[in-house]
C-alpha atoms as a PDB file:
ATOM      1  CA  UNK A   1      80.002 122.527 101.762  1.00  0.00           C
ATOM      2  CA  UNK A   2      78.724 125.520  99.794  1.00  0.00           C
ATOM      3  CA  UNK A   3      74.949 126.077  99.901  1.00  0.00           C
ATOM      4  CA  UNK A   4      73.598 128.694  97.467  1.00  0.00           C
ATOM      5  CA  UNK A   5      70.928 131.039  98.808  1.00  0.00           C
ATOM      6  CA  UNK A   6      67.966 132.546  96.987  1.00  0.00           C
ATOM      7  CA  UNK A   7      66.201 135.553  98.527  1.00  0.00           C
ATOM      8  CA  UNK A   8      62.532 136.052  97.633  1.00  0.00           C
ATOM      9  CA  UNK A   9      60.688 139.362  97.775  1.00  0.00           C
ATOM     10  CA  UNK A  10      57.395 140.313  96.110  1.00  0.00           C
ATOM     11  CA  UNK A  11      57.301 136.957  94.304  1.00  0.00           C
ATOM     12  CA  UNK A  12      60.721 137.427  92.701  1.00  0.00           C
ATOM     13  CA  UNK A  13      64.288 136.430  93.372  1.00  0.00           C
ATOM     14  CA  UNK A  14      66.271 139.466  94.506  1.00  0.00           C
ATOM     15  CA  UNK A  15      69.912 140.164  95.229  1.00  0.00           C
ATOM     16  CA  UNK A  16      71.223 142.808  97.578  1.00  0.00           C
ATOM     17  CA  UNK A  17      74.768 144.159  97.606  1.00  0.00           C
ATOM     18  CA  UNK A  18      76.708 144.414 100.827  1.00  0.00           C
ATOM     19  CA  UNK A  19      75.993 148.139 101.163  1.00  0.00           C
ATOM     20  CA  UNK A  20      73.235 148.618  98.590  1.00  0.00           C
ATOM     21  CA  UNK A  21      70.078 150.370  99.714  1.00  0.00           C
ATOM     22  CA  UNK A  22      68.059 148.729  96.933  1.00  0.00           C
ATOM     23  CA  UNK A  23      68.211 145.273  95.466  1.00  0.00           C
ATOM     24  CA  UNK A  24      68.254 143.837  91.985  1.00  0.00           C
ATOM     25  CA  UNK A  25      64.933 142.109  91.336  1.00  0.00           C
ATOM     26  CA  UNK A  26      63.054 140.404  88.557  1.00  0.00           C
ATOM     27  CA  UNK A  27      65.140 137.261  88.407  1.00  0.00           C
ATOM     28  CA  UNK A  28      63.408 134.064  87.325  1.00  0.00           C
ATOM     29  CA  UNK A  29      63.073 132.016  90.517  1.00  0.00           C
ATOM     30  CA  UNK A  30      62.679 128.700  88.707  1.00  0.00           C
ATOM     31  CA  UNK A  31      65.492 129.530  86.285  1.00  0.00           C
ATOM     32  CA  UNK A  32      67.810 129.638  89.260  1.00  0.00           C
ATOM     33  CA  UNK A  33      67.180 125.921  89.802  1.00  0.00           C
ATOM     34  CA  UNK A  34      68.955 125.223  86.524  1.00  0.00           C
ATOM     35  CA  UNK A  35      71.813 127.514  87.538  1.00  0.00           C
ATOM     36  CA  UNK A  36      72.312 125.745  90.884  1.00  0.00           C
ATOM     37  CA  UNK A  37      71.473 122.177  89.783  1.00  0.00           C
ATOM     38  CA  UNK A  38      74.933 120.874  90.698  1.00  0.00           C
ATOM     39  CA  UNK A  39      74.354 121.596  94.400  1.00  0.00           C
ATOM     40  CA  UNK A  40      72.481 119.068  96.550  1.00  0.00           C
ATOM     41  CA  UNK A  41      71.098 121.809  98.837  1.00  0.00           C
ATOM     42  CA  UNK A  42      69.624 125.280  98.382  1.00  0.00           C
ATOM     43  CA  UNK A  43      68.653 127.809 101.015  1.00  0.00           C
ATOM     44  CA  UNK A  44      65.651 130.054 100.346  1.00  0.00           C
ATOM     45  CA  UNK A  45      64.830 133.127 102.409  1.00  0.00           C
ATOM     46  CA  UNK A  46      61.368 134.680 102.237  1.00  0.00           C
ATOM     47  CA  UNK A  47      62.284 138.323 102.871  1.00  0.00           C
ATOM     48  CA  UNK A  48      58.631 139.406 102.893  1.00  0.00           C
ATOM     49  CA  UNK A  49      57.877 137.022 105.764  1.00  0.00           C
ATOM     50  CA  UNK A  50      61.079 137.954 107.570  1.00  0.00           C
ATOM     51  CA  UNK A  51      60.189 141.654 107.389  1.00  0.00           C
ATOM     52  CA  UNK A  52      56.514 140.973 108.161  1.00  0.00           C
ATOM     53  CA  UNK A  53      55.403 142.466 104.850  1.00  0.00           C
ATOM     54  CA  UNK A  54      53.537 139.436 103.508  1.00  0.00           C
ATOM     55  CA  UNK A  55      54.713 136.036 102.415  1.00  0.00           C
ATOM     56  CA  UNK A  56      55.623 133.950  99.377  1.00  0.00           C
ATOM     57  CA  UNK A  57      54.307 130.598 100.640  1.00  0.00           C
ATOM     58  CA  UNK A  58      52.791 129.384  97.350  1.00  0.00           C
ATOM     59  CA  UNK A  59      55.952 130.246  95.443  1.00  0.00           C
ATOM     60  CA  UNK A  60      58.159 128.607  98.076  1.00  0.00           C
ATOM     61  CA  UNK A  61      56.079 125.405  98.029  1.00  0.00           C
ATOM     62  CA  UNK A  62      56.164 125.222  94.214  1.00  0.00           C
ATOM     63  CA  UNK A  63      59.886 125.932  94.209  1.00  0.00           C
ATOM     64  CA  UNK A  64      60.634 123.233  96.800  1.00  0.00           C
ATOM     65  CA  UNK A  65      58.499 120.674  94.985  1.00  0.00           C
ATOM     66  CA  UNK A  66      60.172 121.381  91.653  1.00  0.00           C
ATOM     67  CA  UNK A  67      63.682 121.388  93.160  1.00  0.00           C
ATOM     68  CA  UNK A  68      63.050 117.947  94.624  1.00  0.00           C
ATOM     69  CA  UNK A  69      61.259 116.309  91.689  1.00  0.00           C
ATOM     70  CA  UNK A  70      63.234 117.817  88.787  1.00  0.00           C
ATOM     71  CA  UNK A  71      66.696 118.066  90.356  1.00  0.00           C
ATOM     72  CA  UNK A  72      66.737 115.860  93.466  1.00  0.00           C
ATOM     73  CA  UNK A  73      67.669 118.865  95.632  1.00  0.00           C
ATOM     74  CA  UNK A  74      66.831 119.518  99.243  1.00  0.00           C
ATOM     75  CA  UNK A  75      65.767 123.045 100.151  1.00  0.00           C
ATOM     76  CA  UNK A  76      66.021 124.754 103.518  1.00  0.00           C
ATOM     77  CA  UNK A  77      63.635 127.678 103.896  1.00  0.00           C
ATOM     78  CA  UNK A  78      64.124 130.586 106.275  1.00  0.00           C
ATOM     79  CA  UNK A  79      60.927 132.353 107.276  1.00  0.00           C
ATOM     80  CA  UNK A  80      59.697 134.748 109.927  1.00  0.00           C
ATOM     81  CA  UNK A  81      58.956 132.197 112.643  1.00  0.00           C
ATOM     82  CA  UNK A  82      61.596 129.540 112.167  1.00  0.00           C
ATOM     83  CA  UNK A  83      62.847 127.078 109.626  1.00  0.00           C
ATOM     84  CA  UNK A  84      60.938 124.762 107.298  1.00  0.00           C
ATOM     85  CA  UNK A  85      62.330 122.158 104.983  1.00  0.00           C
ATOM     86  CA  UNK A  86      60.868 121.258 101.628  1.00  0.00           C
END
C-alpha cells in the first residue's frame, strides 16, 4: 500500500529533495487533499514540532478534519513526541 506524505513547516506544505539544503515551500496544504483523494490514508509530518521549532497543531487538526469529512481519508500524524491519528 502506498501512503502519500505531506510535510508541514511554518504553516505550509514543503518538499525537500534527497540532497537539497533548502526545501520548496508555499504549497497549498488543503489543495493537496484533492491531489491525493484517491488514497485512503495520508501521513502528515509536522517538521516544526519534530525540530522543536514550534508546531502546526491548528493546521493539522483542520487538515485531519477536512480529510475525513470531505474525502473519507484517515490521516496519520508524526510529531515530536509520538504519533497521533486524526
